[in-house]
Amino acid sequence: MFLFLVVALAVVVAAVTLAVVGGGDQAPLPEAAPERLYDPLPPDRPVTRADIDALRFPLAARGYRMSDVDDALNRLAAELAERDARIADLESALAGARTAAGRVSMEKPEQPGEDGEQ
């Protein structure tokens, strides 16, 4: 009985090995293409909060693909730098407008005839 179990186990192991490795010209397991980031950040418009929330990186052997993550971070860094520059320009323009408004007299000029003179 023991010999029968050993032979049966050997046959099962051999069958599984042949099924995985393949016994001829046709490979049983086709080459899998590496996963890529299919829905990157939109190149034609600014990135929104919804774009960031929807961004999912495909898994790789050791976590995430560095190139996909680097591309996304570089894009976000460029957009943040652009927004920071725009904010600085707007704050500068606002400060200039406030300074100019402080120099302008807000009082109504007197017109002849208002105080009873003609």
N, C-alpha and C. Protein backbone atom coordinates (compact mmCIF):
# COMPACT_ATOMS: atom_id res chain seq x y z
N MET A 1 0.83 -1.20 0.00
CA MET A 1 0.00 0.00 0.00
C MET A 1 0.88 1.26 0.00
N PHE A 2 1.94 1.21 0.82
CA PHE A 2 2.83 2.36 0.89
C PHE A 2 3.50 2.62 -0.46
N LEU A 3 3.91 1.55 -1.10
CA LEU A 3 4.56 1.67 -2.41
C LEU A 3 3.60 2.28 -3.44
N PHE A 4 2.33 1.91 -3.39
CA PHE A 4 1.33 2.47 -4.29
C PHE A 4 1.18 3.98 -4.07
N LEU A 5 1.16 4.44 -2.84
CA LEU A 5 1.04 5.87 -2.53
C LEU A 5 2.26 6.65 -3.02
N VAL A 6 3.43 6.08 -2.89
CA VAL A 6 4.65 6.74 -3.35
C VAL A 6 4.63 6.86 -4.87
N VAL A 7 4.22 5.81 -5.56
CA VAL A 7 4.17 5.84 -7.02
C VAL A 7 3.10 6.84 -7.48
N ALA A 8 1.96 6.85 -6.82
CA ALA A 8 0.89 7.79 -7.18
C ALA A 8 1.35 9.23 -6.96
N LEU A 9 2.05 9.50 -5.87
CA LEU A 9 2.58 10.84 -5.59
C LEU A 9 3.60 11.24 -6.65
N ALA A 10 4.44 10.31 -7.07
CA ALA A 10 5.44 10.60 -8.10
C ALA A 10 4.76 10.91 -9.43
N VAL A 11 3.71 10.20 -9.76
CA VAL A 11 2.98 10.45 -11.00
C VAL A 11 2.31 11.83 -10.96
N VAL A 12 1.71 12.18 -9.83
CA VAL A 12 1.06 13.49 -9.71
C VAL A 12 2.10 14.61 -9.81
N VAL A 13 3.22 14.47 -9.14
CA VAL A 13 4.28 15.50 -9.21
C VAL A 13 4.81 15.61 -10.63
N ALA A 14 4.99 14.52 -11.32
CA ALA A 14 5.48 14.55 -12.70
C ALA A 14 4.45 15.21 -13.61
N ALA A 15 3.17 14.92 -13.41
CA ALA A 15 2.13 15.52 -14.26
C ALA A 15 2.06 17.03 -14.05
N VAL A 16 2.13 17.47 -12.81
CA VAL A 16 2.10 18.91 -12.52
C VAL A 16 3.34 19.59 -13.10
N THR A 17 4.48 18.96 -12.98
CA THR A 17 5.72 19.53 -13.52
C THR A 17 5.65 19.67 -15.03
N LEU A 18 5.16 18.64 -15.69
CA LEU A 18 5.03 18.71 -17.15
C LEU A 18 4.00 19.75 -17.57
N ALA A 19 2.94 19.91 -16.80
CA ALA A 19 1.91 20.90 -17.15
C ALA A 19 2.46 22.32 -17.01
N VAL A 20 3.28 22.56 -16.01
CA VAL A 20 3.83 23.91 -15.79
C VAL A 20 4.98 24.20 -16.75
N VAL A 21 5.91 23.27 -16.86
CA VAL A 21 7.09 23.49 -17.69
C VAL A 21 6.76 23.33 -19.16
N GLY A 22 5.92 22.42 -19.48
CA GLY A 22 5.58 22.18 -20.88
C GLY A 22 6.41 21.04 -21.41
N GLY A 23 5.80 20.29 -22.30
CA GLY A 23 6.51 19.13 -22.80
C GLY A 23 6.84 19.21 -24.26
N GLY A 24 6.72 20.38 -24.89
CA GLY A 24 6.99 20.44 -26.31
C GLY A 24 7.25 21.85 -26.77
N ASP A 25 6.82 22.11 -28.02
CA ASP A 25 7.07 23.41 -28.63
C ASP A 25 6.18 24.51 -28.06
N GLN A 26 5.00 24.14 -27.63
CA GLN A 26 4.04 25.14 -27.17
C GLN A 26 4.22 25.39 -25.68
N ALA A 27 4.49 26.63 -25.31
CA ALA A 27 4.66 26.98 -23.90
C ALA A 27 3.28 27.13 -23.26
N PRO A 28 3.05 26.48 -22.13
CA PRO A 28 1.74 26.57 -21.51
C PRO A 28 1.46 27.94 -20.86
N LEU A 29 2.49 28.61 -20.44
CA LEU A 29 2.32 29.92 -19.81
C LEU A 29 2.92 30.99 -20.72
N PRO A 30 2.10 31.81 -21.36
CA PRO A 30 2.65 32.84 -22.25
C PRO A 30 3.34 33.94 -21.43
N GLU A 31 4.24 34.62 -22.11
CA GLU A 31 4.93 35.74 -21.47
C GLU A 31 3.93 36.84 -21.14
N ALA A 32 3.98 37.30 -19.94
CA ALA A 32 3.08 38.37 -19.51
C ALA A 32 3.77 39.71 -19.73
N ALA A 33 3.05 40.61 -20.37
CA ALA A 33 3.59 41.95 -20.57
C ALA A 33 3.58 42.68 -19.23
N PRO A 34 4.59 43.48 -18.96
CA PRO A 34 4.60 44.20 -17.68
C PRO A 34 3.46 45.22 -17.64
N GLU A 35 2.91 45.37 -16.47
CA GLU A 35 1.83 46.35 -16.31
C GLU A 35 2.39 47.75 -16.46
N ARG A 36 1.62 48.60 -17.12
CA ARG A 36 2.00 49.99 -17.30
C ARG A 36 0.88 50.86 -16.77
N LEU A 37 1.21 52.10 -16.52
CA LEU A 37 0.22 53.06 -16.06
C LEU A 37 -0.65 53.44 -17.25
N TYR A 38 -1.91 52.99 -17.26
CA TYR A 38 -2.79 53.20 -18.40
C TYR A 38 -3.52 54.52 -18.35
N ASP A 39 -3.71 55.09 -17.18
CA ASP A 39 -4.46 56.33 -17.06
C ASP A 39 -3.56 57.37 -16.38
N PRO A 40 -2.59 57.92 -17.13
CA PRO A 40 -1.69 58.89 -16.51
C PRO A 40 -2.39 60.22 -16.28
N LEU A 41 -1.68 61.14 -15.71
CA LEU A 41 -2.23 62.48 -15.49
C LEU A 41 -2.48 63.15 -16.83
N PRO A 42 -3.54 63.93 -16.96
CA PRO A 42 -3.90 64.52 -18.27
C PRO A 42 -2.86 65.52 -18.74
N PRO A 43 -2.36 65.38 -19.97
CA PRO A 43 -1.34 66.30 -20.47
C PRO A 43 -1.91 67.60 -21.02
N ASP A 44 -3.22 67.64 -21.29
CA ASP A 44 -3.80 68.79 -21.99
C ASP A 44 -4.51 69.78 -21.07
N ARG A 45 -4.49 69.54 -19.76
CA ARG A 45 -5.14 70.46 -18.83
C ARG A 45 -4.46 70.35 -17.47
N PRO A 46 -4.68 71.32 -16.59
CA PRO A 46 -4.07 71.24 -15.26
C PRO A 46 -4.61 70.04 -14.47
N VAL A 47 -3.80 69.54 -13.59
CA VAL A 47 -4.17 68.40 -12.76
C VAL A 47 -5.14 68.87 -11.68
N THR A 48 -6.19 68.09 -11.46
CA THR A 48 -7.16 68.42 -10.43
C THR A 48 -7.07 67.41 -9.29
N ARG A 49 -7.78 67.70 -8.22
CA ARG A 49 -7.80 66.81 -7.07
C ARG A 49 -8.36 65.44 -7.48
N ALA A 50 -9.36 65.43 -8.34
CA ALA A 50 -9.96 64.17 -8.78
C ALA A 50 -8.95 63.33 -9.57
N ASP A 51 -8.07 63.98 -10.34
CA ASP A 51 -7.03 63.25 -11.08
C ASP A 51 -6.08 62.54 -10.11
N ILE A 52 -5.72 63.23 -9.04
CA ILE A 52 -4.81 62.65 -8.06
C ILE A 52 -5.49 61.51 -7.32
N ASP A 53 -6.77 61.69 -6.96
CA ASP A 53 -7.49 60.63 -6.26
C ASP A 53 -7.66 59.39 -7.13
N ALA A 54 -7.80 59.56 -8.43
CA ALA A 54 -8.01 58.43 -9.34
C ALA A 54 -6.71 57.77 -9.78
N LEU A 55 -5.58 58.37 -9.50
CA LEU A 55 -4.29 57.84 -9.95
C LEU A 55 -3.94 56.58 -9.17
N ARG A 56 -3.75 55.48 -9.87
CA ARG A 56 -3.36 54.21 -9.28
C ARG A 56 -2.18 53.66 -10.07
N PHE A 57 -1.14 53.31 -9.36
CA PHE A 57 0.05 52.77 -10.00
C PHE A 57 -0.04 51.24 -10.03
N PRO A 58 0.34 50.63 -11.16
CA PRO A 58 0.34 49.16 -11.21
C PRO A 58 1.48 48.60 -10.36
N LEU A 59 1.23 47.44 -9.81
CA LEU A 59 2.24 46.80 -8.97
C LEU A 59 3.33 46.16 -9.83
N ALA A 60 4.52 46.20 -9.31
CA ALA A 60 5.67 45.56 -9.97
C ALA A 60 6.26 44.56 -8.98
N ALA A 61 7.39 43.98 -9.34
CA ALA A 61 7.98 42.94 -8.50
C ALA A 61 8.33 43.45 -7.10
N ARG A 62 8.81 44.67 -6.99
CA ARG A 62 9.22 45.20 -5.69
C ARG A 62 8.40 46.42 -5.29
N GLY A 63 7.14 46.44 -5.62
CA GLY A 63 6.30 47.58 -5.24
C GLY A 63 5.68 48.21 -6.47
N TYR A 64 6.12 49.42 -6.80
CA TYR A 64 5.60 50.14 -7.96
C TYR A 64 6.73 50.38 -8.96
N ARG A 65 6.35 50.61 -10.22
CA ARG A 65 7.36 50.90 -11.24
C ARG A 65 7.90 52.30 -10.99
N MET A 66 9.19 52.40 -10.82
CA MET A 66 9.81 53.69 -10.50
C MET A 66 9.57 54.72 -11.60
N SER A 67 9.59 54.31 -12.84
CA SER A 67 9.41 55.27 -13.93
C SER A 67 8.02 55.89 -13.90
N ASP A 68 6.99 55.09 -13.60
CA ASP A 68 5.63 55.63 -13.52
C ASP A 68 5.50 56.62 -12.37
N VAL A 69 6.04 56.26 -11.23
CA VAL A 69 5.97 57.13 -10.05
C VAL A 69 6.78 58.41 -10.29
N ASP A 70 7.97 58.28 -10.88
CA ASP A 70 8.80 59.45 -11.16
C ASP A 70 8.11 60.39 -12.14
N ASP A 71 7.49 59.84 -13.18
CA ASP A 71 6.77 60.68 -14.14
C ASP A 71 5.64 61.46 -13.47
N ALA A 72 4.87 60.77 -12.64
CA ALA A 72 3.75 61.43 -11.96
C ALA A 72 4.25 62.50 -11.00
N LEU A 73 5.30 62.21 -10.24
CA LEU A 73 5.84 63.19 -9.30
C LEU A 73 6.46 64.39 -10.02
N ASN A 74 7.14 64.15 -11.13
CA ASN A 74 7.70 65.27 -11.90
C ASN A 74 6.59 66.16 -12.45
N ARG A 75 5.52 65.57 -12.93
CA ARG A 75 4.39 66.35 -13.44
C ARG A 75 3.76 67.19 -12.32
N LEU A 76 3.56 66.57 -11.16
CA LEU A 76 2.97 67.29 -10.03
C LEU A 76 3.90 68.41 -9.55
N ALA A 77 5.20 68.16 -9.53
CA ALA A 77 6.15 69.18 -9.10
C ALA A 77 6.14 70.37 -10.05
N ALA A 78 6.07 70.11 -11.35
CA ALA A 78 6.02 71.19 -12.34
C ALA A 78 4.74 72.01 -12.18
N GLU A 79 3.62 71.34 -11.96
CA GLU A 79 2.36 72.07 -11.79
C GLU A 79 2.35 72.88 -10.51
N LEU A 80 2.92 72.33 -9.43
CA LEU A 80 2.98 73.09 -8.18
C LEU A 80 3.89 74.30 -8.32
N ALA A 81 5.01 74.16 -9.02
CA ALA A 81 5.90 75.30 -9.23
C ALA A 81 5.21 76.38 -10.06
N GLU A 82 4.45 75.95 -11.08
CA GLU A 82 3.73 76.90 -11.90
C GLU A 82 2.65 77.63 -11.09
N ARG A 83 1.95 76.90 -10.24
CA ARG A 83 0.93 77.52 -9.41
C ARG A 83 1.54 78.45 -8.37
N ASP A 84 2.68 78.07 -7.80
CA ASP A 84 3.35 78.95 -6.84
C ASP A 84 3.78 80.25 -7.50
N ALA A 85 4.29 80.16 -8.72
CA ALA A 85 4.70 81.37 -9.45
C ALA A 85 3.48 82.24 -9.75
N ARG A 86 2.38 81.62 -10.12
CA ARG A 86 1.15 82.38 -10.40
C ARG A 86 0.63 83.06 -9.14
N ILE A 87 0.67 82.36 -8.02
CA ILE A 87 0.23 82.95 -6.74
C ILE A 87 1.12 84.12 -6.37
N ALA A 88 2.43 83.97 -6.55
CA ALA A 88 3.36 85.07 -6.24
C ALA A 88 3.07 86.28 -7.13
N ASP A 89 2.81 86.05 -8.43
CA ASP A 89 2.48 87.16 -9.33
C ASP A 89 1.20 87.85 -8.90
N LEU A 90 0.18 87.09 -8.54
CA LEU A 90 -1.09 87.68 -8.12
C LEU A 90 -0.95 88.44 -6.81
N GLU A 91 -0.17 87.90 -5.86
CA GLU A 91 0.04 88.61 -4.60
C GLU A 91 0.81 89.90 -4.82
N SER A 92 1.77 89.88 -5.73
CA SER A 92 2.52 91.09 -6.05
C SER A 92 1.61 92.13 -6.69
N ALA A 93 0.76 91.70 -7.60
CA ALA A 93 -0.18 92.63 -8.25
C ALA A 93 -1.16 93.19 -7.23
N LEU A 94 -1.60 92.37 -6.30
CA LEU A 94 -2.53 92.84 -5.26
C LEU A 94 -1.86 93.85 -4.35
N ALA A 95 -0.61 93.60 -3.98
CA ALA A 95 0.11 94.55 -3.14
C ALA A 95 0.32 95.87 -3.88
N GLY A 96 0.62 95.81 -5.17
CA GLY A 96 0.76 97.03 -5.96
C GLY A 96 -0.55 97.78 -6.07
N ALA A 97 -1.65 97.07 -6.23
CA ALA A 97 -2.96 97.72 -6.32
C ALA A 97 -3.34 98.36 -5.00
N ARG A 98 -3.02 97.72 -3.89
CA ARG A 98 -3.31 98.30 -2.57
C ARG A 98 -2.48 99.55 -2.33
N THR A 99 -1.22 99.52 -2.76
CA THR A 99 -0.35 100.70 -2.60
C THR A 99 -0.87 101.85 -3.44
N ALA A 100 -1.27 101.55 -4.67
CA ALA A 100 -1.80 102.60 -5.55
C ALA A 100 -3.12 103.14 -5.01
N ALA A 101 -3.93 102.30 -4.44
CA ALA A 101 -5.22 102.74 -3.89
C ALA A 101 -5.01 103.60 -2.66
N GLY A 102 -3.97 103.37 -1.91
CA GLY A 102 -3.68 104.18 -0.72
C GLY A 102 -3.25 105.59 -1.09
N ARG A 103 -2.68 105.77 -2.25
CA ARG A 103 -2.23 107.09 -2.68
C ARG A 103 -3.36 107.92 -3.28
N VAL A 104 -4.37 107.27 -3.77
CA VAL A 104 -5.48 107.98 -4.40
C VAL A 104 -6.40 108.50 -3.30
N SER A 105 -6.78 109.77 -3.41
CA SER A 105 -7.67 110.36 -2.42
C SER A 105 -9.07 109.83 -2.64
N MET A 106 -9.66 109.38 -1.57
CA MET A 106 -10.99 108.82 -1.65
C MET A 106 -12.07 109.87 -1.38
N GLU A 107 -11.67 111.12 -1.13
CA GLU A 107 -12.65 112.18 -0.85
C GLU A 107 -13.20 112.73 -2.16
N LYS A 108 -14.43 113.18 -2.08
CA LYS A 108 -15.10 113.74 -3.25
C LYS A 108 -14.59 115.17 -3.44
N PRO A 109 -14.17 115.52 -4.64
CA PRO A 109 -13.67 116.89 -4.85
C PRO A 109 -14.83 117.89 -4.76
N GLU A 110 -14.50 119.06 -4.25
CA GLU A 110 -15.54 120.10 -4.13
C GLU A 110 -15.84 120.67 -5.49
N GLN A 111 -17.13 120.87 -5.74
CA GLN A 111 -17.54 121.48 -7.00
C GLN A 111 -18.07 122.87 -6.68
N PRO A 112 -17.88 123.81 -7.59
CA PRO A 112 -18.34 125.16 -7.32
C PRO A 112 -19.86 125.20 -7.16
N GLY A 113 -20.31 125.95 -6.20
CA GLY A 113 -21.73 126.15 -5.98
C GLY A 113 -22.31 125.24 -4.91
N GLU A 114 -21.55 124.35 -4.36
CA GLU A 114 -22.09 123.47 -3.35
C GLU A 114 -22.23 124.17 -2.00
N ASP A 115 -21.34 125.09 -1.69
CA ASP A 115 -21.41 125.74 -0.39
C ASP A 115 -22.11 127.09 -0.49
N GLY A 116 -22.91 127.30 -1.49
CA GLY A 116 -23.69 128.52 -1.64
C GLY A 116 -23.04 129.54 -2.50
N GLU A 117 -21.84 129.36 -2.98
CA GLU A 117 -21.17 130.33 -3.85
C GLU A 117 -21.49 130.03 -5.30
N GLN A 118 -21.44 131.10 -6.09
CA GLN A 118 -21.66 130.91 -7.50
C GLN A 118 -20.51 131.42 -8.28
